PDB file of all heavy atoms in Angstrom:
ATOM      1  N   GLY A   1      95.599 134.857 210.554  1.00  0.00           N
ATOM      2  CA  GLY A   1      97.010 134.550 210.751  1.00  0.00           C
ATOM      3  C   GLY A   1      97.813 134.710 209.485  1.00  0.00           C
ATOM      4  O   GLY A   1      97.289 134.568 208.372  1.00  0.00           O
ATOM      5  N   ASN A   2      99.076 135.042 209.660  1.00  0.00           N
ATOM      6  CA  ASN A   2     100.021 135.124 208.553  1.00  0.00           C
ATOM      7  C   ASN A   2     101.195 134.196 208.831  1.00  0.00           C
ATOM      8  O   ASN A   2     101.644 134.074 209.980  1.00  0.00           O
ATOM      9  CB  ASN A   2     100.534 136.561 208.383  1.00  0.00           C
ATOM     10  CG  ASN A   2      99.437 137.511 207.964  1.00  0.00           C
ATOM     11  OD1 ASN A   2      98.876 137.400 206.875  1.00  0.00           O
ATOM     12  ND2 ASN A   2      99.107 138.466 208.831  1.00  0.00           N
ATOM     13  N   ILE A   3     101.676 133.556 207.789  1.00  0.00           N
ATOM     14  CA  ILE A   3     102.789 132.621 207.915  1.00  0.00           C
ATOM     15  C   ILE A   3     103.847 132.981 206.887  1.00  0.00           C
ATOM     16  O   ILE A   3     103.529 133.226 205.725  1.00  0.00           O
ATOM     17  CB  ILE A   3     102.338 131.165 207.673  1.00  0.00           C
ATOM     18  CG1 ILE A   3     101.065 130.836 208.445  1.00  0.00           C
ATOM     19  CG2 ILE A   3     103.450 130.193 208.046  1.00  0.00           C
ATOM     20  CD1 ILE A   3     100.483 129.473 208.094  1.00  0.00           C
ATOM     21  N   CYS A   4     105.087 133.023 207.319  1.00  0.00           N
ATOM     22  CA  CYS A   4     106.183 133.190 206.372  1.00  0.00           C
ATOM     23  C   CYS A   4     107.187 132.057 206.589  1.00  0.00           C
ATOM     24  O   CYS A   4     107.038 131.249 207.504  1.00  0.00           O
ATOM     25  CB  CYS A   4     106.842 134.564 206.491  1.00  0.00           C
ATOM     26  SG  CYS A   4     107.637 134.896 208.065  1.00  0.00           S
ATOM     27  N   GLU A   5     108.188 131.988 205.745  1.00  0.00           N
ATOM     28  CA  GLU A   5     109.122 130.869 205.775  1.00  0.00           C
ATOM     29  C   GLU A   5     110.418 131.274 206.465  1.00  0.00           C
ATOM     30  O   GLU A   5     110.917 132.384 206.268  1.00  0.00           O
ATOM     31  CB  GLU A   5     109.404 130.390 204.350  1.00  0.00           C
ATOM     32  CG  GLU A   5     109.962 128.976 204.273  1.00  0.00           C
ATOM     33  CD  GLU A   5     109.860 128.400 202.873  1.00  0.00           C
ATOM     34  OE1 GLU A   5     110.802 128.614 202.084  1.00  0.00           O
ATOM     35  OE2 GLU A   5     108.833 127.751 202.575  1.00  0.00           O
ATOM     36  N   GLY A   6     110.949 130.374 207.273  1.00  0.00           N
ATOM     37  CA  GLY A   6     112.201 130.620 207.973  1.00  0.00           C
ATOM     38  C   GLY A   6     112.848 129.310 208.351  1.00  0.00           C
ATOM     39  O   GLY A   6     112.352 128.226 208.005  1.00  0.00           O
ATOM     40  N   PRO A   7     113.956 129.374 209.094  1.00  0.00           N
ATOM     41  CA  PRO A   7     114.720 128.158 209.406  1.00  0.00           C
ATOM     42  C   PRO A   7     113.931 127.118 210.199  1.00  0.00           C
ATOM     43  O   PRO A   7     114.086 125.921 209.993  1.00  0.00           O
ATOM     44  CB  PRO A   7     115.906 128.678 210.216  1.00  0.00           C
ATOM     45  CG  PRO A   7     116.020 130.124 209.855  1.00  0.00           C
ATOM     46  CD  PRO A   7     114.625 130.585 209.590  1.00  0.00           C
ATOM     47  N   ARG A   8     113.097 127.574 211.150  1.00  0.00           N
ATOM     48  CA  ARG A   8     112.326 126.625 211.949  1.00  0.00           C
ATOM     49  C   ARG A   8     111.059 127.302 212.438  1.00  0.00           C
ATOM     50  O   ARG A   8     110.924 128.528 212.382  1.00  0.00           O
ATOM     51  CB  ARG A   8     113.144 126.122 213.142  1.00  0.00           C
ATOM     52  CG  ARG A   8     113.498 127.179 214.179  1.00  0.00           C
ATOM     53  CD  ARG A   8     114.409 126.613 215.250  1.00  0.00           C
ATOM     54  NE  ARG A   8     114.676 127.577 216.319  1.00  0.00           N
ATOM     55  CZ  ARG A   8     113.967 127.664 217.438  1.00  0.00           C
ATOM     56  NH1 ARG A   8     112.937 126.851 217.626  1.00  0.00           N
ATOM     57  NH2 ARG A   8     114.271 128.556 218.371  1.00  0.00           N
ATOM     58  N   LYS A   9     110.124 126.506 212.933  1.00  0.00           N
ATOM     59  CA  LYS A   9     108.863 127.060 213.391  1.00  0.00           C
ATOM     60  C   LYS A   9     109.085 127.982 214.590  1.00  0.00           C
ATOM     61  O   LYS A   9     109.760 127.617 215.557  1.00  0.00           O
ATOM     62  CB  LYS A   9     107.905 125.927 213.780  1.00  0.00           C
ATOM     63  CG  LYS A   9     106.463 126.395 213.961  1.00  0.00           C
ATOM     64  CD  LYS A   9     106.111 126.606 215.406  1.00  0.00           C
ATOM     65  CE  LYS A   9     104.633 126.975 215.545  1.00  0.00           C
ATOM     66  NZ  LYS A   9     104.213 127.132 216.936  1.00  0.00           N
ATOM     67  N   ARG A  10     108.508 129.182 214.516  1.00  0.00           N
ATOM     68  CA  ARG A  10     108.722 130.161 215.587  1.00  0.00           C
ATOM     69  C   ARG A  10     107.606 131.191 215.566  1.00  0.00           C
ATOM     70  O   ARG A  10     107.256 131.739 214.528  1.00  0.00           O
ATOM     71  CB  ARG A  10     110.080 130.851 215.406  1.00  0.00           C
ATOM     72  CG  ARG A  10     110.431 131.868 216.477  1.00  0.00           C
ATOM     73  CD  ARG A  10     111.886 132.312 216.335  1.00  0.00           C
ATOM     74  NE  ARG A  10     112.159 132.861 215.021  1.00  0.00           N
ATOM     75  CZ  ARG A  10     111.973 134.147 214.687  1.00  0.00           C
ATOM     76  NH1 ARG A  10     111.504 135.004 215.579  1.00  0.00           N
ATOM     77  NH2 ARG A  10     112.269 134.570 213.471  1.00  0.00           N
ATOM     78  N   HIS A  11     107.055 131.460 216.740  1.00  0.00           N
ATOM     79  CA  HIS A  11     106.079 132.542 216.896  1.00  0.00           C
ATOM     80  C   HIS A  11     106.768 133.884 216.688  1.00  0.00           C
ATOM     81  O   HIS A  11     107.878 134.103 217.177  1.00  0.00           O
ATOM     82  CB  HIS A  11     105.486 132.489 218.305  1.00  0.00           C
ATOM     83  CG  HIS A  11     104.682 133.687 218.676  1.00  0.00           C
ATOM     84  ND1 HIS A  11     103.373 133.864 218.281  1.00  0.00           N
ATOM     85  CD2 HIS A  11     105.014 134.797 219.405  1.00  0.00           C
ATOM     86  CE1 HIS A  11     102.927 135.014 218.759  1.00  0.00           C
ATOM     87  NE2 HIS A  11     103.902 135.601 219.447  1.00  0.00           N
ATOM     88  N   GLN A  12     106.122 134.803 215.950  1.00  0.00           N
ATOM     89  CA  GLN A  12     106.714 136.123 215.729  1.00  0.00           C
ATOM     90  C   GLN A  12     105.980 137.234 216.465  1.00  0.00           C
ATOM     91  O   GLN A  12     106.596 138.017 217.165  1.00  0.00           O
ATOM     92  CB  GLN A  12     106.777 136.424 214.230  1.00  0.00           C
ATOM     93  CG  GLN A  12     107.916 135.713 213.520  1.00  0.00           C
ATOM     94  CD  GLN A  12     108.384 136.476 212.295  1.00  0.00           C
ATOM     95  OE1 GLN A  12     107.590 137.019 211.535  1.00  0.00           O
ATOM     96  NE2 GLN A  12     109.690 136.510 212.088  1.00  0.00           N
ATOM     97  N   TYR A  13     104.670 137.338 216.289  1.00  0.00           N
ATOM     98  CA  TYR A  13     103.951 138.363 217.042  1.00  0.00           C
ATOM     99  C   TYR A  13     102.462 138.056 217.048  1.00  0.00           C
ATOM    100  O   TYR A  13     101.963 137.219 216.295  1.00  0.00           O
ATOM    101  CB  TYR A  13     104.203 139.769 216.480  1.00  0.00           C
ATOM    102  CG  TYR A  13     103.622 140.060 215.101  1.00  0.00           C
ATOM    103  CD1 TYR A  13     102.287 140.406 214.928  1.00  0.00           C
ATOM    104  CD2 TYR A  13     104.433 140.029 213.963  1.00  0.00           C
ATOM    105  CE1 TYR A  13     101.770 140.697 213.675  1.00  0.00           C
ATOM    106  CE2 TYR A  13     103.931 140.318 212.710  1.00  0.00           C
ATOM    107  CZ  TYR A  13     102.592 140.648 212.570  1.00  0.00           C
ATOM    108  OH  TYR A  13     102.074 140.929 211.331  1.00  0.00           O
ATOM    109  N   VAL A  14     101.747 138.755 217.935  1.00  0.00           N
ATOM    110  CA  VAL A  14     100.300 138.699 217.977  1.00  0.00           C
ATOM    111  C   VAL A  14      99.782 140.137 217.991  1.00  0.00           C
ATOM    112  O   VAL A  14     100.380 141.024 218.618  1.00  0.00           O
ATOM    113  CB  VAL A  14      99.794 137.906 219.189  1.00  0.00           C
ATOM    114  CG1 VAL A  14     100.211 138.550 220.493  1.00  0.00           C
ATOM    115  CG2 VAL A  14      98.293 137.713 219.140  1.00  0.00           C
ATOM    116  N   SER A  15      98.695 140.369 217.268  1.00  0.00           N
ATOM    117  CA  SER A  15      98.107 141.709 217.166  1.00  0.00           C
ATOM    118  C   SER A  15      96.720 141.703 217.790  1.00  0.00           C
ATOM    119  O   SER A  15      95.884 140.854 217.459  1.00  0.00           O
ATOM    120  CB  SER A  15      98.015 142.135 215.697  1.00  0.00           C
ATOM    121  OG  SER A  15      97.405 143.411 215.575  1.00  0.00           O
ATOM    122  N   PHE A  16      96.496 142.647 218.691  1.00  0.00           N
ATOM    123  CA  PHE A  16      95.204 142.791 219.349  1.00  0.00           C
ATOM    124  C   PHE A  16      94.451 143.986 218.768  1.00  0.00           C
ATOM    125  O   PHE A  16      95.051 145.026 218.479  1.00  0.00           O
ATOM    126  CB  PHE A  16      95.376 142.990 220.851  1.00  0.00           C
ATOM    127  CG  PHE A  16      95.870 141.774 221.570  1.00  0.00           C
ATOM    128  CD1 PHE A  16      97.229 141.541 221.723  1.00  0.00           C
ATOM    129  CD2 PHE A  16      94.976 140.850 222.098  1.00  0.00           C
ATOM    130  CE1 PHE A  16      97.694 140.418 222.385  1.00  0.00           C
ATOM    131  CE2 PHE A  16      95.435 139.719 222.760  1.00  0.00           C
ATOM    132  CZ  PHE A  16      96.796 139.501 222.902  1.00  0.00           C
ATOM    133  N   GLY A  17      93.139 143.844 218.615  1.00  0.00           N
ATOM    134  CA  GLY A  17      92.308 144.917 218.104  1.00  0.00           C
ATOM    135  C   GLY A  17      91.775 145.796 219.215  1.00  0.00           C
ATOM    136  O   GLY A  17      91.442 145.320 220.308  1.00  0.00           O
ATOM    137  N   ALA A  18      91.694 147.108 218.936  1.00  0.00           N
ATOM    138  CA  ALA A  18      91.168 148.072 219.900  1.00  0.00           C
ATOM    139  C   ALA A  18      90.239 149.043 219.189  1.00  0.00           C
ATOM    140  O   ALA A  18      90.305 149.213 217.970  1.00  0.00           O
ATOM    141  CB  ALA A  18      92.309 148.836 220.577  1.00  0.00           C
ATOM    142  N   PHE A  19      89.365 149.690 219.957  1.00  0.00           N
ATOM    143  CA  PHE A  19      88.506 150.728 219.404  1.00  0.00           C
ATOM    144  C   PHE A  19      89.350 151.956 219.052  1.00  0.00           C
ATOM    145  O   PHE A  19      90.320 152.274 219.740  1.00  0.00           O
ATOM    146  CB  PHE A  19      87.412 151.109 220.397  1.00  0.00           C
ATOM    147  CG  PHE A  19      86.453 149.991 220.714  1.00  0.00           C
ATOM    148  CD1 PHE A  19      86.431 149.426 221.979  1.00  0.00           C
ATOM    149  CD2 PHE A  19      85.594 149.498 219.751  1.00  0.00           C
ATOM    150  CE1 PHE A  19      85.545 148.401 222.287  1.00  0.00           C
ATOM    151  CE2 PHE A  19      84.703 148.467 220.037  1.00  0.00           C
ATOM    152  CZ  PHE A  19      84.680 147.922 221.305  1.00  0.00           C
ATOM    153  N   GLU A  20      88.945 152.665 218.000  1.00  0.00           N
ATOM    154  CA  GLU A  20      89.738 153.784 217.501  1.00  0.00           C
ATOM    155  C   GLU A  20      89.948 154.856 218.559  1.00  0.00           C
ATOM    156  O   GLU A  20      91.044 155.417 218.692  1.00  0.00           O
ATOM    157  CB  GLU A  20      89.072 154.385 216.267  1.00  0.00           C
ATOM    158  CG  GLU A  20      89.868 155.498 215.614  1.00  0.00           C
ATOM    159  CD  GLU A  20      89.262 155.982 214.320  1.00  0.00           C
ATOM    160  OE1 GLU A  20      88.145 155.532 213.983  1.00  0.00           O
ATOM    161  OE2 GLU A  20      89.903 156.808 213.638  1.00  0.00           O
ATOM    162  N   ASP A  21      88.913 155.144 219.355  1.00  0.00           N
ATOM    163  CA  ASP A  21      89.048 156.211 220.341  1.00  0.00           C
ATOM    164  C   ASP A  21      89.846 155.794 221.572  1.00  0.00           C
ATOM    165  O   ASP A  21      90.059 156.595 222.488  1.00  0.00           O
ATOM    166  CB  ASP A  21      87.671 156.736 220.760  1.00  0.00           C
ATOM    167  CG  ASP A  21      86.753 155.643 221.291  1.00  0.00           C
ATOM    168  OD1 ASP A  21      86.917 154.482 220.886  1.00  0.00           O
ATOM    169  OD2 ASP A  21      85.874 155.952 222.116  1.00  0.00           O
ATOM    170  N   ASP A  22      90.314 154.541 221.596  1.00  0.00           N
ATOM    171  CA  ASP A  22      91.138 154.078 222.709  1.00  0.00           C
ATOM    172  C   ASP A  22      92.630 154.076 222.389  1.00  0.00           C
ATOM    173  O   ASP A  22      93.455 153.894 223.300  1.00  0.00           O
ATOM    174  CB  ASP A  22      90.731 152.651 223.122  1.00  0.00           C
ATOM    175  CG  ASP A  22      89.494 152.622 224.001  1.00  0.00           C
ATOM    176  OD1 ASP A  22      89.142 153.679 224.565  1.00  0.00           O
ATOM    177  OD2 ASP A  22      88.878 151.542 224.124  1.00  0.00           O
ATOM    178  N   ILE A  23      93.007 154.246 221.126  1.00  0.00           N
ATOM    179  CA  ILE A  23      94.409 154.112 220.752  1.00  0.00           C
ATOM    180  C   ILE A  23      95.288 155.150 221.442  1.00  0.00           C
ATOM    181  O   ILE A  23      96.363 154.832 221.965  1.00  0.00           O
ATOM    182  CB  ILE A  23      94.579 154.171 219.224  1.00  0.00           C
ATOM    183  CG1 ILE A  23      94.065 152.873 218.600  1.00  0.00           C
ATOM    184  CG2 ILE A  23      96.033 154.387 218.840  1.00  0.00           C
ATOM    185  CD1 ILE A  23      94.873 151.635 218.969  1.00  0.00           C
ATOM    186  N   ASP A  24      94.862 156.411 221.459  1.00  0.00           N
ATOM    187  CA  ASP A  24      95.659 157.444 222.134  1.00  0.00           C
ATOM    188  C   ASP A  24      95.777 157.141 223.632  1.00  0.00           C
ATOM    189  O   ASP A  24      96.826 157.391 224.248  1.00  0.00           O
ATOM    190  CB  ASP A  24      95.045 158.821 221.926  1.00  0.00           C
ATOM    191  CG  ASP A  24      95.231 159.328 220.503  1.00  0.00           C
ATOM    192  OD1 ASP A  24      96.091 158.781 219.786  1.00  0.00           O
ATOM    193  OD2 ASP A  24      94.510 160.260 220.108  1.00  0.00           O
ATOM    194  N   ARG A  25      94.733 156.598 224.212  1.00  0.00           N
ATOM    195  CA  ARG A  25      94.778 156.234 225.634  1.00  0.00           C
ATOM    196  C   ARG A  25      95.777 155.099 225.860  1.00  0.00           C
ATOM    197  O   ARG A  25      96.514 155.096 226.855  1.00  0.00           O
ATOM    198  CB  ARG A  25      93.393 155.835 226.122  1.00  0.00           C
ATOM    199  CG  ARG A  25      92.348 156.951 226.068  1.00  0.00           C
ATOM    200  CD  ARG A  25      90.980 156.419 226.400  1.00  0.00           C
ATOM    201  NE  ARG A  25      90.885 155.971 227.783  1.00  0.00           N
ATOM    202  CZ  ARG A  25      89.885 155.199 228.248  1.00  0.00           C
ATOM    203  NH1 ARG A  25      88.928 154.785 227.415  1.00  0.00           N
ATOM    204  NH2 ARG A  25      89.857 154.846 229.511  1.00  0.00           N
ATOM    205  N   PHE A  26      95.811 154.147 224.938  1.00  0.00           N
ATOM    206  CA  PHE A  26      96.803 153.073 225.053  1.00  0.00           C
ATOM    207  C   PHE A  26      98.221 153.621 224.910  1.00  0.00           C
ATOM    208  O   PHE A  26      99.141 153.199 225.625  1.00  0.00           O
ATOM    209  CB  PHE A  26      96.553 151.995 224.001  1.00  0.00           C
ATOM    210  CG  PHE A  26      95.602 150.914 224.442  1.00  0.00           C
ATOM    211  CD1 PHE A  26      94.407 150.715 223.784  1.00  0.00           C
ATOM    212  CD2 PHE A  26      95.929 150.101 225.519  1.00  0.00           C
ATOM    213  CE1 PHE A  26      93.538 149.715 224.185  1.00  0.00           C
ATOM    214  CE2 PHE A  26      95.055 149.089 225.929  1.00  0.00           C
ATOM    215  CZ  PHE A  26      93.852 148.898 225.256  1.00  0.00           C
ATOM    216  N   ALA A  27      98.406 154.566 223.994  1.00  0.00           N
ATOM    217  CA  ALA A  27      99.736 155.161 223.826  1.00  0.00           C
ATOM    218  C   ALA A  27     100.183 155.847 225.108  1.00  0.00           C
ATOM    219  O   ALA A  27     101.351 155.719 225.522  1.00  0.00           O
ATOM    220  CB  ALA A  27      99.718 156.148 222.662  1.00  0.00           C
ATOM    221  N   ARG A  28      99.274 156.558 225.760  1.00  0.00           N
ATOM    222  CA  ARG A  28      99.619 157.219 227.022  1.00  0.00           C
ATOM    223  C   ARG A  28      99.897 156.181 228.121  1.00  0.00           C
ATOM    224  O   ARG A  28     100.812 156.369 228.936  1.00  0.00           O
ATOM    225  CB  ARG A  28      98.490 158.163 227.450  1.00  0.00           C
ATOM    226  CG  ARG A  28      98.359 159.400 226.568  1.00  0.00           C
ATOM    227  CD  ARG A  28      97.472 160.444 227.217  1.00  0.00           C
ATOM    228  NE  ARG A  28      96.103 159.982 227.357  1.00  0.00           N
ATOM    229  CZ  ARG A  28      95.152 160.148 226.419  1.00  0.00           C
ATOM    230  NH1 ARG A  28      95.455 160.764 225.274  1.00  0.00           N
ATOM    231  NH2 ARG A  28      93.928 159.723 226.630  1.00  0.00           N
ATOM    232  N   ARG A  29      99.128 155.114 228.116  1.00  0.00           N
ATOM    233  CA  ARG A  29      99.362 154.074 229.122  1.00  0.00           C
ATOM    234  C   ARG A  29     100.748 153.464 228.961  1.00  0.00           C
ATOM    235  O   ARG A  29     101.462 153.269 229.948  1.00  0.00           O
ATOM    236  CB  ARG A  29      98.285 152.986 229.030  1.00  0.00           C
ATOM    237  CG  ARG A  29      98.543 151.803 229.960  1.00  0.00           C
ATOM    238  CD  ARG A  29      97.470 150.749 229.869  1.00  0.00           C
ATOM    239  NE  ARG A  29      96.248 151.160 230.547  1.00  0.00           N
ATOM    240  CZ  ARG A  29      95.155 150.389 230.635  1.00  0.00           C
ATOM    241  NH1 ARG A  29      95.155 149.189 230.067  1.00  0.00           N
ATOM    242  NH2 ARG A  29      94.087 150.809 231.272  1.00  0.00           N
ATOM    243  N   LEU A  30     101.136 153.169 227.722  1.00  0.00           N
ATOM    244  CA  LEU A  30     102.471 152.614 227.497  1.00  0.00           C
ATOM    245  C   LEU A  30     103.540 153.566 227.996  1.00  0.00           C
ATOM    246  O   LEU A  30     104.519 153.150 228.641  1.00  0.00           O
ATOM    247  CB  LEU A  30     102.671 152.321 226.009  1.00  0.00           C
ATOM    248  CG  LEU A  30     101.812 151.210 225.397  1.00  0.00           C
ATOM    249  CD1 LEU A  30     102.028 151.148 223.881  1.00  0.00           C
ATOM    250  CD2 LEU A  30     102.120 149.855 226.013  1.00  0.00           C
ATOM    251  N   GLN A  31     103.361 154.852 227.708  1.00  0.00           N
ATOM    252  CA  GLN A  31     104.339 155.844 228.153  1.00  0.00           C
ATOM    253  C   GLN A  31     104.376 155.929 229.674  1.00  0.00           C
ATOM    254  O   GLN A  31     105.456 155.936 230.282  1.00  0.00           O
ATOM    255  CB  GLN A  31     104.007 157.209 227.560  1.00  0.00           C
ATOM    256  CG  GLN A  31     105.005 158.298 227.921  1.00  0.00           C
ATOM    257  CD  GLN A  31     104.685 159.613 227.228  1.00  0.00           C
ATOM    258  OE1 GLN A  31     103.699 159.734 226.513  1.00  0.00           O
ATOM    259  NE2 GLN A  31     105.533 160.595 227.430  1.00  0.00           N
TER     260      GLN A  31
END
């Protein structure tokens, strides 16, 4: 996890890990 400072507590993002050979497939799925 990473934390930075701001006006109040707030979730910013979450990152999921994928296998390298799946990234292009995920890009096509999003499209």
